[in-house]
C-alpha atoms as a PDB file:
ATOM      1  CA  UNK A   1      62.778 248.016  66.554  1.00  0.00           C
ATOM      2  CA  UNK A   2      66.474 247.117  66.676  1.00  0.00           C
ATOM      3  CA  UNK A   3      66.353 245.765  63.135  1.00  0.00           C
ATOM      4  CA  UNK A   4      65.016 249.057  61.793  1.00  0.00           C
ATOM      5  CA  UNK A   5      66.825 251.503  64.070  1.00  0.00           C
ATOM      6  CA  UNK A   6      69.317 252.684  61.451  1.00  0.00           C
ATOM      7  CA  UNK A   7      66.552 253.594  59.034  1.00  0.00           C
ATOM      8  CA  UNK A   8      64.656 255.459  61.734  1.00  0.00           C
ATOM      9  CA  UNK A   9      67.744 257.242  62.967  1.00  0.00           C
ATOM     10  CA  UNK A  10      68.616 258.650  59.557  1.00  0.00           C
ATOM     11  CA  UNK A  11      65.154 259.053  58.046  1.00  0.00           C
ATOM     12  CA  UNK A  12      64.664 262.384  56.284  1.00  0.00           C
ATOM     13  CA  UNK A  13      61.146 262.580  57.700  1.00  0.00           C
ATOM     14  CA  UNK A  14      62.514 263.338  61.161  1.00  0.00           C
ATOM     15  CA  UNK A  15      63.108 267.117  61.065  1.00  0.00           C
ATOM     16  CA  UNK A  16      66.235 268.635  62.516  1.00  0.00           C
ATOM     17  CA  UNK A  17      65.905 271.007  65.444  1.00  0.00           C
ATOM     18  CA  UNK A  18      66.666 274.672  65.005  1.00  0.00           C
ATOM     19  CA  UNK A  19      70.332 275.488  65.267  1.00  0.00           C
ATOM     20  CA  UNK A  20      71.400 276.721  68.684  1.00  0.00           C
ATOM     21  CA  UNK A  21      74.653 277.240  70.467  1.00  0.00           C
ATOM     22  CA  UNK A  22      76.659 274.160  71.382  1.00  0.00           C
ATOM     23  CA  UNK A  23      75.833 274.800  75.042  1.00  0.00           C
ATOM     24  CA  UNK A  24      72.351 273.414  74.297  1.00  0.00           C
ATOM     25  CA  UNK A  25      73.845 269.930  73.867  1.00  0.00           C
ATOM     26  CA  UNK A  26      75.171 268.703  77.249  1.00  0.00           C
ATOM     27  CA  UNK A  27      78.047 266.239  77.070  1.00  0.00           C
ATOM     28  CA  UNK A  28      76.353 263.069  78.274  1.00  0.00           C
ATOM     29  CA  UNK A  29      76.649 260.456  75.528  1.00  0.00           C
ATOM     30  CA  UNK A  30      79.409 257.852  75.357  1.00  0.00           C
ATOM     31  CA  UNK A  31      80.819 257.536  71.847  1.00  0.00           C
ATOM     32  CA  UNK A  32      83.823 255.802  70.293  1.00  0.00           C
ATOM     33  CA  UNK A  33      85.298 257.289  67.122  1.00  0.00           C
ATOM     34  CA  UNK A  34      87.070 254.840  64.815  1.00  0.00           C
ATOM     35  CA  UNK A  35      86.618 252.028  67.368  1.00  0.00           C
ATOM     36  CA  UNK A  36      88.317 249.543  65.054  1.00  0.00           C
ATOM     37  CA  UNK A  37      91.651 251.398  65.175  1.00  0.00           C
ATOM     38  CA  UNK A  38      94.112 251.767  68.030  1.00  0.00           C
ATOM     39  CA  UNK A  39      94.242 255.279  69.441  1.00  0.00           C
ATOM     40  CA  UNK A  40      91.094 256.242  67.510  1.00  0.00           C
ATOM     41  CA  UNK A  41      93.148 256.995  64.408  1.00  0.00           C
ATOM     42  CA  UNK A  42      90.865 258.675  61.894  1.00  0.00           C
ATOM     43  CA  UNK A  43      91.917 257.200  58.568  1.00  0.00           C
ATOM     44  CA  UNK A  44      89.122 257.532  56.021  1.00  0.00           C
ATOM     45  CA  UNK A  45      88.203 254.410  54.083  1.00  0.00           C
ATOM     46  CA  UNK A  46      88.104 254.285  50.288  1.00  0.00           C
ATOM     47  CA  UNK A  47      84.792 256.186  50.414  1.00  0.00           C
ATOM     48  CA  UNK A  48      86.166 258.917  52.680  1.00  0.00           C
ATOM     49  CA  UNK A  49      84.189 257.754  55.712  1.00  0.00           C
ATOM     50  CA  UNK A  50      84.855 257.200  59.400  1.00  0.00           C
ATOM     51  CA  UNK A  51      82.917 254.987  61.822  1.00  0.00           C
ATOM     52  CA  UNK A  52      81.466 256.288  65.087  1.00  0.00           C
ATOM     53  CA  UNK A  53      79.986 254.002  67.725  1.00  0.00           C
ATOM     54  CA  UNK A  54      77.123 255.468  69.755  1.00  0.00           C
ATOM     55  CA  UNK A  55      77.294 253.474  72.974  1.00  0.00           C
ATOM     56  CA  UNK A  56      74.611 252.411  75.405  1.00  0.00           C
ATOM     57  CA  UNK A  57      74.673 255.215  78.001  1.00  0.00           C
ATOM     58  CA  UNK A  58      73.132 255.954  81.386  1.00  0.00           C
ATOM     59  CA  UNK A  59      73.285 259.463  82.846  1.00  0.00           C
ATOM     60  CA  UNK A  60      71.445 261.933  85.051  1.00  0.00           C
ATOM     61  CA  UNK A  61      69.838 264.822  83.169  1.00  0.00           C
ATOM     62  CA  UNK A  62      69.494 268.451  84.241  1.00  0.00           C
ATOM     63  CA  UNK A  63      66.282 267.621  86.108  1.00  0.00           C
ATOM     64  CA  UNK A  64      67.968 264.934  88.212  1.00  0.00           C
ATOM     65  CA  UNK A  65      66.234 262.165  86.266  1.00  0.00           C
ATOM     66  CA  UNK A  66      68.079 259.016  85.216  1.00  0.00           C
ATOM     67  CA  UNK A  67      68.197 258.685  81.430  1.00  0.00           C
ATOM     68  CA  UNK A  68      68.923 255.327  79.820  1.00  0.00           C
ATOM     69  CA  UNK A  69      69.908 255.887  76.203  1.00  0.00           C
ATOM     70  CA  UNK A  70      69.899 252.757  74.072  1.00  0.00           C
ATOM     71  CA  UNK A  71      70.956 253.928  70.588  1.00  0.00           C
ATOM     72  CA  UNK A  72      69.541 250.775  69.031  1.00  0.00           C
ATOM     73  CA  UNK A  73      66.132 251.467  70.516  1.00  0.00           C
ATOM     74  CA  UNK A  74      65.718 255.213  69.898  1.00  0.00           C
ATOM     75  CA  UNK A  75      64.876 256.920  66.602  1.00  0.00           C
ATOM     76  CA  UNK A  76      66.959 260.095  66.681  1.00  0.00           C
ATOM     77  CA  UNK A  77      69.121 262.063  64.258  1.00  0.00           C
ATOM     78  CA  UNK A  78      72.856 262.566  64.566  1.00  0.00           C
ATOM     79  CA  UNK A  79      75.425 265.083  63.368  1.00  0.00           C
ATOM     80  CA  UNK A  80      79.163 264.511  63.577  1.00  0.00           C
ATOM     81  CA  UNK A  81      82.214 266.748  63.223  1.00  0.00           C
ATOM     82  CA  UNK A  82      84.285 269.248  65.129  1.00  0.00           C
ATOM     83  CA  UNK A  83      82.651 270.857  68.150  1.00  0.00           C
ATOM     84  CA  UNK A  84      83.072 274.212  66.426  1.00  0.00           C
ATOM     85  CA  UNK A  85      81.188 273.296  63.266  1.00  0.00           C
ATOM     86  CA  UNK A  86      78.438 271.471  65.170  1.00  0.00           C
ATOM     87  CA  UNK A  87      77.890 274.495  67.395  1.00  0.00           C
ATOM     88  CA  UNK A  88      77.315 276.559  64.256  1.00  0.00           C
ATOM     89  CA  UNK A  89      74.693 274.132  62.938  1.00  0.00           C
ATOM     90  CA  UNK A  90      76.922 272.125  60.593  1.00  0.00           C
ATOM     91  CA  UNK A  91      78.475 268.705  60.605  1.00  0.00           C
ATOM     92  CA  UNK A  92      77.644 265.590  58.619  1.00  0.00           C
ATOM     93  CA  UNK A  93      74.841 263.025  58.754  1.00  0.00           C
ATOM     94  CA  UNK A  94      75.221 259.218  58.718  1.00  0.00           C
ATOM     95  CA  UNK A  95      75.493 257.676  55.274  1.00  0.00           C
ATOM     96  CA  UNK A  96      73.979 254.318  56.212  1.00  0.00           C
ATOM     97  CA  UNK A  97      71.513 252.639  58.549  1.00  0.00           C
ATOM     98  CA  UNK A  98      74.212 251.612  60.991  1.00  0.00           C
ATOM     99  CA  UNK A  99      75.136 248.266  62.480  1.00  0.00           C
ATOM    100  CA  UNK A 100      74.346 246.917  65.938  1.00  0.00           C
ATOM    101  CA  UNK A 101      77.387 245.675  67.856  1.00  0.00           C
ATOM    102  CA  UNK A 102      78.621 245.449  71.448  1.00  0.00           C
ATOM    103  CA  UNK A 103      81.651 247.657  70.810  1.00  0.00           C
ATOM    104  CA  UNK A 104      82.884 248.000  74.399  1.00  0.00           C
ATOM    105  CA  UNK A 105      82.021 244.466  75.545  1.00  0.00           C
ATOM    106  CA  UNK A 106      79.718 245.548  78.377  1.00  0.00           C
ATOM    107  CA  UNK A 107      76.876 243.275  77.272  1.00  0.00           C
ATOM    108  CA  UNK A 108      74.783 246.122  75.811  1.00  0.00           C
ATOM    109  CA  UNK A 109      74.183 246.793  72.133  1.00  0.00           C
ATOM    110  CA  UNK A 110      75.775 249.875  70.579  1.00  0.00           C
ATOM    111  CA  UNK A 111      75.050 251.515  67.220  1.00  0.00           C
ATOM    112  CA  UNK A 112      77.940 251.926  64.763  1.00  0.00           C
ATOM    113  CA  UNK A 113      77.343 254.558  62.091  1.00  0.00           C
ATOM    114  CA  UNK A 114      79.420 255.669  59.104  1.00  0.00           C
ATOM    115  CA  UNK A 115      79.954 259.394  58.531  1.00  0.00           C
ATOM    116  CA  UNK A 116      81.633 261.186  55.601  1.00  0.00           C
ATOM    117  CA  UNK A 117      84.680 263.209  56.633  1.00  0.00           C
ATOM    118  CA  UNK A 118      84.080 265.761  53.879  1.00  0.00           C
ATOM    119  CA  UNK A 119      82.089 268.464  55.642  1.00  0.00           C
ATOM    120  CA  UNK A 120      82.936 267.401  59.200  1.00  0.00           C
ATOM    121  CA  UNK A 121      85.278 270.366  59.641  1.00  0.00           C
ATOM    122  CA  UNK A 122      88.513 268.553  60.502  1.00  0.00           C
ATOM    123  CA  UNK A 123      91.700 270.286  59.373  1.00  0.00           C
ATOM    124  CA  UNK A 124      94.280 267.973  60.966  1.00  0.00           C
ATOM    125  CA  UNK A 125      94.852 270.051  64.100  1.00  0.00           C
ATOM    126  CA  UNK A 126      91.928 268.725  66.178  1.00  0.00           C
ATOM    127  CA  UNK A 127      92.355 266.250  69.033  1.00  0.00           C
ATOM    128  CA  UNK A 128      88.651 265.469  69.562  1.00  0.00           C
ATOM    129  CA  UNK A 129      85.534 264.791  67.532  1.00  0.00           C
ATOM    130  CA  UNK A 130      81.942 265.333  68.640  1.00  0.00           C
ATOM    131  CA  UNK A 131      78.557 263.789  67.933  1.00  0.00           C
ATOM    132  CA  UNK A 132      75.227 265.555  68.553  1.00  0.00           C
ATOM    133  CA  UNK A 133      72.039 263.616  69.199  1.00  0.00           C
ATOM    134  CA  UNK A 134      69.179 265.845  68.107  1.00  0.00           C
ATOM    135  CA  UNK A 135      65.665 265.351  69.320  1.00  0.00           C
ATOM    136  CA  UNK A 136      62.757 265.971  66.969  1.00  0.00           C
ATOM    137  CA  UNK A 137      61.008 269.311  66.382  1.00  0.00           C
ATOM    138  CA  UNK A 138      59.573 269.383  69.924  1.00  0.00           C
ATOM    139  CA  UNK A 139      62.058 272.167  70.689  1.00  0.00           C
ATOM    140  CA  UNK A 140      63.856 270.254  73.417  1.00  0.00           C
ATOM    141  CA  UNK A 141      67.629 270.028  73.245  1.00  0.00           C
ATOM    142  CA  UNK A 142      69.525 266.835  72.639  1.00  0.00           C
ATOM    143  CA  UNK A 143      72.848 265.582  73.968  1.00  0.00           C
ATOM    144  CA  UNK A 144      76.442 265.375  72.797  1.00  0.00           C
ATOM    145  CA  UNK A 145      79.340 262.994  73.089  1.00  0.00           C
ATOM    146  CA  UNK A 146      83.037 263.697  72.506  1.00  0.00           C
ATOM    147  CA  UNK A 147      85.944 261.333  71.998  1.00  0.00           C
ATOM    148  CA  UNK A 148      89.687 261.750  71.510  1.00  0.00           C
ATOM    149  CA  UNK A 149      90.977 261.247  67.981  1.00  0.00           C
ATOM    150  CA  UNK A 150      94.267 261.100  66.106  1.00  0.00           C
ATOM    151  CA  UNK A 151      94.125 262.756  62.690  1.00  0.00           C
ATOM    152  CA  UNK A 152      96.381 262.393  59.706  1.00  0.00           C
ATOM    153  CA  UNK A 153      99.017 265.122  59.478  1.00  0.00           C
ATOM    154  CA  UNK A 154      98.138 265.880  55.877  1.00  0.00           C
ATOM    155  CA  UNK A 155      94.359 266.098  56.342  1.00  0.00           C
ATOM    156  CA  UNK A 156      93.163 269.153  54.403  1.00  0.00           C
ATOM    157  CA  UNK A 157      90.008 271.145  54.972  1.00  0.00           C
ATOM    158  CA  UNK A 158      87.399 270.321  52.317  1.00  0.00           C
ATOM    159  CA  UNK A 159      85.578 272.688  49.965  1.00  0.00           C
ATOM    160  CA  UNK A 160      82.334 271.893  51.790  1.00  0.00           C
ATOM    161  CA  UNK A 161      83.945 272.956  55.061  1.00  0.00           C
ATOM    162  CA  UNK A 162      85.102 276.235  53.501  1.00  0.00           C
ATOM    163  CA  UNK A 163      81.667 276.929  52.030  1.00  0.00           C
ATOM    164  CA  UNK A 164      79.932 276.103  55.316  1.00  0.00           C
ATOM    165  CA  UNK A 165      82.297 278.506  57.056  1.00  0.00           C
ATOM    166  CA  UNK A 166      81.233 281.234  54.616  1.00  0.00           C
ATOM    167  CA  UNK A 167      77.587 280.262  55.063  1.00  0.00           C
ATOM    168  CA  UNK A 168      77.939 280.604  58.846  1.00  0.00           C
ATOM    169  CA  UNK A 169      78.972 284.230  58.383  1.00  0.00           C
ATOM    170  CA  UNK A 170      76.286 284.951  55.785  1.00  0.00           C
ATOM    171  CA  UNK A 171      73.579 283.600  58.111  1.00  0.00           C
ATOM    172  CA  UNK A 172      74.867 285.941  60.809  1.00  0.00           C
ATOM    173  CA  UNK A 173      74.914 288.995  58.542  1.00  0.00           C
ATOM    174  CA  UNK A 174      71.522 288.312  56.998  1.00  0.00           C
ATOM    175  CA  UNK A 175      69.921 287.800  60.409  1.00  0.00           C
ATOM    176  CA  UNK A 176      71.491 291.031  61.668  1.00  0.00           C
ATOM    177  CA  UNK A 177      69.983 293.208  58.902  1.00  0.00           C
ATOM    178  CA  UNK A 178      66.693 291.292  58.815  1.00  0.00           C
ATOM    179  CA  UNK A 179      66.217 291.775  62.554  1.00  0.00           C
ATOM    180  CA  UNK A 180      67.297 295.410  62.348  1.00  0.00           C
ATOM    181  CA  UNK A 181      64.918 296.661  59.650  1.00  0.00           C
ATOM    182  CA  UNK A 182      61.184 297.064  60.111  1.00  0.00           C
ATOM    183  CA  UNK A 183      60.444 296.017  56.519  1.00  0.00           C
ATOM    184  CA  UNK A 184      61.454 292.489  57.573  1.00  0.00           C
ATOM    185  CA  UNK A 185      59.718 292.749  60.973  1.00  0.00           C
ATOM    186  CA  UNK A 186      62.819 294.204  62.601  1.00  0.00           C
ATOM    187  CA  UNK A 187      63.579 297.154  64.864  1.00  0.00           C
ATOM    188  CA  UNK A 188      64.171 300.344  62.891  1.00  0.00           C
ATOM    189  CA  UNK A 189      61.639 301.949  60.562  1.00  0.00           C
ATOM    190  CA  UNK A 190      62.469 304.081  57.569  1.00  0.00           C
ATOM    191  CA  UNK A 191      61.432 307.099  59.646  1.00  0.00           C
ATOM    192  CA  UNK A 192      63.876 306.098  62.404  1.00  0.00           C
ATOM    193  CA  UNK A 193      66.755 305.781  59.958  1.00  0.00           C
ATOM    194  CA  UNK A 194      66.131 308.951  57.986  1.00  0.00           C
ATOM    195  CA  UNK A 195      65.927 311.051  61.142  1.00  0.00           C
ATOM    196  CA  UNK A 196      68.911 309.488  62.881  1.00  0.00           C
ATOM    197  CA  UNK A 197      72.090 311.384  63.579  1.00  0.00           C
ATOM    198  CA  UNK A 198      73.824 309.033  61.147  1.00  0.00           C
ATOM    199  CA  UNK A 199      71.562 310.001  58.234  1.00  0.00           C
ATOM    200  CA  UNK A 200      71.905 313.682  59.062  1.00  0.00           C
ATOM    201  CA  UNK A 201      75.597 313.474  58.219  1.00  0.00           C
ATOM    202  CA  UNK A 202      74.509 313.822  54.588  1.00  0.00           C
ATOM    203  CA  UNK A 203      73.614 317.278  53.353  1.00  0.00           C
ATOM    204  CA  UNK A 204      72.217 315.892  50.122  1.00  0.00           C
ATOM    205  CA  UNK A 205      68.634 314.648  50.601  1.00  0.00           C
ATOM    206  CA  UNK A 206      69.123 311.987  47.922  1.00  0.00           C
ATOM    207  CA  UNK A 207      71.734 310.368  50.166  1.00  0.00           C
ATOM    208  CA  UNK A 208      69.968 310.849  53.470  1.00  0.00           C
ATOM    209  CA  UNK A 209      66.592 309.592  52.282  1.00  0.00           C
ATOM    210  CA  UNK A 210      67.962 306.587  50.402  1.00  0.00           C
ATOM    211  CA  UNK A 211      69.902 305.183  53.375  1.00  0.00           C
ATOM    212  CA  UNK A 212      67.111 302.840  54.452  1.00  0.00           C
ATOM    213  CA  UNK A 213      66.815 301.397  50.938  1.00  0.00           C
ATOM    214  CA  UNK A 214      70.569 300.845  50.785  1.00  0.00           C
ATOM    215  CA  UNK A 215      70.421 298.905  54.052  1.00  0.00           C
ATOM    216  CA  UNK A 216      67.548 296.862  52.619  1.00  0.00           C
ATOM    217  CA  UNK A 217      69.754 296.113  49.594  1.00  0.00           C
ATOM    218  CA  UNK A 218      72.516 294.853  51.892  1.00  0.00           C
ATOM    219  CA  UNK A 219      70.033 292.654  53.751  1.00  0.00           C
ATOM    220  CA  UNK A 220      68.789 291.203  50.459  1.00  0.00           C
ATOM    221  CA  UNK A 221      72.347 290.629  49.257  1.00  0.00           C
ATOM    222  CA  UNK A 222      73.143 288.628  52.397  1.00  0.00           C
ATOM    223  CA  UNK A 223      69.979 286.582  51.899  1.00  0.00           C
ATOM    224  CA  UNK A 224      71.015 285.846  48.310  1.00  0.00           C
ATOM    225  CA  UNK A 225      74.474 284.800  49.525  1.00  0.00           C
ATOM    226  CA  UNK A 226      72.853 282.406  52.025  1.00  0.00           C
ATOM    227  CA  UNK A 227      70.699 280.864  49.319  1.00  0.00           C
ATOM    228  CA  UNK A 228      73.578 280.501  46.840  1.00  0.00           C
ATOM    229  CA  UNK A 229      75.964 278.935  49.347  1.00  0.00           C
ATOM    230  CA  UNK A 230      73.241 276.621  50.671  1.00  0.00           C
ATOM    231  CA  UNK A 231      72.459 275.374  47.183  1.00  0.00           C
ATOM    232  CA  UNK A 232      76.132 274.931  46.276  1.00  0.00           C
ATOM    233  CA  UNK A 233      76.851 272.913  49.415  1.00  0.00           C
ATOM    234  CA  UNK A 234      73.789 270.769  48.770  1.00  0.00           C
ATOM    235  CA  UNK A 235      74.833 270.201  45.147  1.00  0.00           C
ATOM    236  CA  UNK A 236      78.249 269.029  46.397  1.00  0.00           C
ATOM    237  CA  UNK A 237      76.552 266.495  48.687  1.00  0.00           C
ATOM    238  CA  UNK A 238      77.185 268.418  51.878  1.00  0.00           C
ATOM    239  CA  UNK A 239      74.970 269.397  54.800  1.00  0.00           C
ATOM    240  CA  UNK A 240      74.547 273.204  54.879  1.00  0.00           C
ATOM    241  CA  UNK A 241      74.817 274.825  58.298  1.00  0.00           C
ATOM    242  CA  UNK A 242      71.605 276.372  59.532  1.00  0.00           C
ATOM    243  CA  UNK A 243      70.954 279.774  61.014  1.00  0.00           C
ATOM    244  CA  UNK A 244      71.808 279.993  64.709  1.00  0.00           C
ATOM    245  CA  UNK A 245      70.055 281.902  67.493  1.00  0.00           C
ATOM    246  CA  UNK A 246      71.694 285.315  67.718  1.00  0.00           C
ATOM    247  CA  UNK A 247      71.824 288.104  70.271  1.00  0.00           C
ATOM    248  CA  UNK A 248      72.683 291.546  68.872  1.00  0.00           C
ATOM    249  CA  UNK A 249      73.472 294.144  71.514  1.00  0.00           C
ATOM    250  CA  UNK A 250      72.210 297.485  70.217  1.00  0.00           C
ATOM    251  CA  UNK A 251      69.552 299.965  71.317  1.00  0.00           C
ATOM    252  CA  UNK A 252      70.100 302.892  68.956  1.00  0.00           C
ATOM    253  CA  UNK A 253      70.557 303.093  65.221  1.00  0.00           C
ATOM    254  CA  UNK A 254      74.034 304.489  65.786  1.00  0.00           C
ATOM    255  CA  UNK A 255      74.943 301.307  67.683  1.00  0.00           C
ATOM    256  CA  UNK A 256      73.357 299.240  64.913  1.00  0.00           C
ATOM    257  CA  UNK A 257      75.536 300.715  62.158  1.00  0.00           C
ATOM    258  CA  UNK A 258      78.646 300.363  64.340  1.00  0.00           C
ATOM    259  CA  UNK A 259      78.028 296.616  64.669  1.00  0.00           C
ATOM    260  CA  UNK A 260      77.183 296.396  60.968  1.00  0.00           C
ATOM    261  CA  UNK A 261      80.543 297.925  60.050  1.00  0.00           C
ATOM    262  CA  UNK A 262      82.334 295.405  62.227  1.00  0.00           C
ATOM    263  CA  UNK A 263      80.466 292.455  60.705  1.00  0.00           C
ATOM    264  CA  UNK A 264      81.187 293.617  57.172  1.00  0.00           C
ATOM    265  CA  UNK A 265      84.880 294.216  57.846  1.00  0.00           C
ATOM    266  CA  UNK A 266      85.184 290.740  59.355  1.00  0.00           C
ATOM    267  CA  UNK A 267      83.313 289.241  56.408  1.00  0.00           C
ATOM    268  CA  UNK A 268      85.651 290.826  53.867  1.00  0.00           C
ATOM    269  CA  UNK A 269      88.745 289.579  55.666  1.00  0.00           C
ATOM    270  CA  UNK A 270      87.181 286.120  56.115  1.00  0.00           C
ATOM    271  CA  UNK A 271      86.537 285.685  52.383  1.00  0.00           C
ATOM    272  CA  UNK A 272      90.083 286.852  51.641  1.00  0.00           C
ATOM    273  CA  UNK A 273      91.398 284.141  53.962  1.00  0.00           C
ATOM    274  CA  UNK A 274      89.031 281.374  52.855  1.00  0.00           C
ATOM    275  CA  UNK A 275      88.993 281.675  49.059  1.00  0.00           C
ATOM    276  CA  UNK A 276      92.580 280.390  48.657  1.00  0.00           C
ATOM    277  CA  UNK A 277      91.583 277.233  50.579  1.00  0.00           C
ATOM    278  CA  UNK A 278      89.155 276.125  47.862  1.00  0.00           C
ATOM    279  CA  UNK A 279      90.521 273.233  45.808  1.00  0.00           C
ATOM    280  CA  UNK A 280      87.896 273.350  43.040  1.00  0.00           C
ATOM    281  CA  UNK A 281      88.825 276.249  40.738  1.00  0.00           C
ATOM    282  CA  UNK A 282      85.198 276.574  39.615  1.00  0.00           C
ATOM    283  CA  UNK A 283      84.243 277.655  43.147  1.00  0.00           C
ATOM    284  CA  UNK A 284      86.740 280.520  43.306  1.00  0.00           C
ATOM    285  CA  UNK A 285      85.020 283.052  40.951  1.00  0.00           C
ATOM    286  CA  UNK A 286      81.658 282.896  42.816  1.00  0.00           C
ATOM    287  CA  UNK A 287      83.475 283.258  46.141  1.00  0.00           C
ATOM    288  CA  UNK A 288      85.371 286.285  44.890  1.00  0.00           C
ATOM    289  CA  UNK A 289      82.175 287.841  43.527  1.00  0.00           C
ATOM    290  CA  UNK A 290      80.669 287.647  47.016  1.00  0.00           C
ATOM    291  CA  UNK A 291      83.898 289.006  48.486  1.00  0.00           C
ATOM    292  CA  UNK A 292      83.750 292.131  46.307  1.00  0.00           C
ATOM    293  CA  UNK A 293      80.126 292.804  47.253  1.00  0.00           C
ATOM    294  CA  UNK A 294      80.977 292.408  50.943  1.00  0.00           C
ATOM    295  CA  UNK A 295      83.773 294.944  50.398  1.00  0.00           C
ATOM    296  CA  UNK A 296      81.237 297.409  48.962  1.00  0.00           C
ATOM    297  CA  UNK A 297      79.047 296.871  52.025  1.00  0.00           C
ATOM    298  CA  UNK A 298      82.014 297.490  54.303  1.00  0.00           C
ATOM    299  CA  UNK A 299      82.908 300.703  52.484  1.00  0.00           C
ATOM    300  CA  UNK A 300      79.357 302.044  52.829  1.00  0.00           C
ATOM    301  CA  UNK A 301      79.180 301.170  56.529  1.00  0.00           C
ATOM    302  CA  UNK A 302      82.599 302.685  57.181  1.00  0.00           C
ATOM    303  CA  UNK A 303      81.337 305.923  55.650  1.00  0.00           C
ATOM    304  CA  UNK A 304      78.277 305.887  57.909  1.00  0.00           C
ATOM    305  CA  UNK A 305      80.592 305.477  60.887  1.00  0.00           C
ATOM    306  CA  UNK A 306      82.740 308.438  59.729  1.00  0.00           C
ATOM    307  CA  UNK A 307      85.724 306.173  59.048  1.00  0.00           C
ATOM    308  CA  UNK A 308      87.998 306.156  56.047  1.00  0.00           C
ATOM    309  CA  UNK A 309      86.651 303.443  53.768  1.00  0.00           C
ATOM    310  CA  UNK A 310      90.047 302.437  52.375  1.00  0.00           C
ATOM    311  CA  UNK A 311      92.886 303.706  54.585  1.00  0.00           C
ATOM    312  CA  UNK A 312      95.406 301.171  53.270  1.00  0.00           C
ATOM    313  CA  UNK A 313      96.461 299.906  49.856  1.00  0.00           C
ATOM    314  CA  UNK A 314      96.288 296.271  51.012  1.00  0.00           C
ATOM    315  CA  UNK A 315      93.881 294.460  53.322  1.00  0.00           C
ATOM    316  CA  UNK A 316      94.845 291.682  55.723  1.00  0.00           C
ATOM    317  CA  UNK A 317      93.062 288.337  55.523  1.00  0.00           C
ATOM    318  CA  UNK A 318      91.709 286.567  58.600  1.00  0.00           C
ATOM    319  CA  UNK A 319      91.888 282.811  59.182  1.00  0.00           C
ATOM    320  CA  UNK A 320      88.993 280.655  60.351  1.00  0.00           C
ATOM    321  CA  UNK A 321      90.605 280.481  63.784  1.00  0.00           C
ATOM    322  CA  UNK A 322      90.506 284.277  63.969  1.00  0.00           C
ATOM    323  CA  UNK A 323      87.002 284.785  62.567  1.00  0.00           C
ATOM    324  CA  UNK A 324      84.884 282.126  64.281  1.00  0.00           C
ATOM    325  CA  UNK A 325      85.429 283.464  67.831  1.00  0.00           C
ATOM    326  CA  UNK A 326      84.240 286.879  66.611  1.00  0.00           C
ATOM    327  CA  UNK A 327      81.138 285.329  65.054  1.00  0.00           C
ATOM    328  CA  UNK A 328      80.450 283.392  68.251  1.00  0.00           C
ATOM    329  CA  UNK A 329      80.167 286.654  70.182  1.00  0.00           C
ATOM    330  CA  UNK A 330      76.787 287.117  68.514  1.00  0.00           C
ATOM    331  CA  UNK A 331      75.468 283.577  69.086  1.00  0.00           C
ATOM    332  CA  UNK A 332      72.939 283.356  71.912  1.00  0.00           C
ATOM    333  CA  UNK A 333      73.687 281.013  74.807  1.00  0.00           C
ATOM    334  CA  UNK A 334      71.502 279.645  77.553  1.00  0.00           C
END
């Protein structure tokens, strides 16, 4: 088994678990990032990779049972990156089968894997890196390990990281509309929408009785954005983030459109902040085309919420550090 562990650990046939909040991955694993360098300095090799040692670990699980995790004797999948990007379903997979080595000199075999840094989410400001061990599709959670790191001062966020950031938001928006509309097995029917106080704002029947279809259009736009970003990230060799488990706090349609307006406004500002980070000029026009559609969504939702759609001549952009905490408000936790 030890001779084939790397192949088993990275085999595509082992499906990834559904994306959940980072709280589903208790910090139990011992890992060592860049074990060959003093102070865990993350300096990518000529292939842009960093090594991570998954160490032999013993711990007590949530049921009080002793777990002995021998990484050279267990066929599991791993994701590596910042805690933030892993919690949103992203991160990077190993690029090789790994090597067996007693990294810490305790007499037990450890597994050393190589991960690409492009897509791991590091910007140069982080002081830790995290590894998730995912179980198979049984639905049970896996475990995580975190280690201190020292990053290069000039480390820049990659295009894959920027696109995965956008994909995180598009997953959230698509899930919100999908779960809110009955035509995609969601909450509100066309009858509910057309007879809501929001729809009655419109005196013209052509506006009132087309509101449901316009919301369906927005849902379908978000789905198309998810598909386009997923394909682009895959074409670039990255690992697209998956949809998370969300919790949307609304009971009435009025509450639904209030949250929708907030999501769209955040999305517009997020694209404005992220597009300039793209280094490949060919990626900028598609990003801006999504940005303009998100702005149209925001304008429509602002109107439904009786707000001025464009009160200012210039909009402010939001950074990733500003947007991700807002998005996390809608991610379900245990």
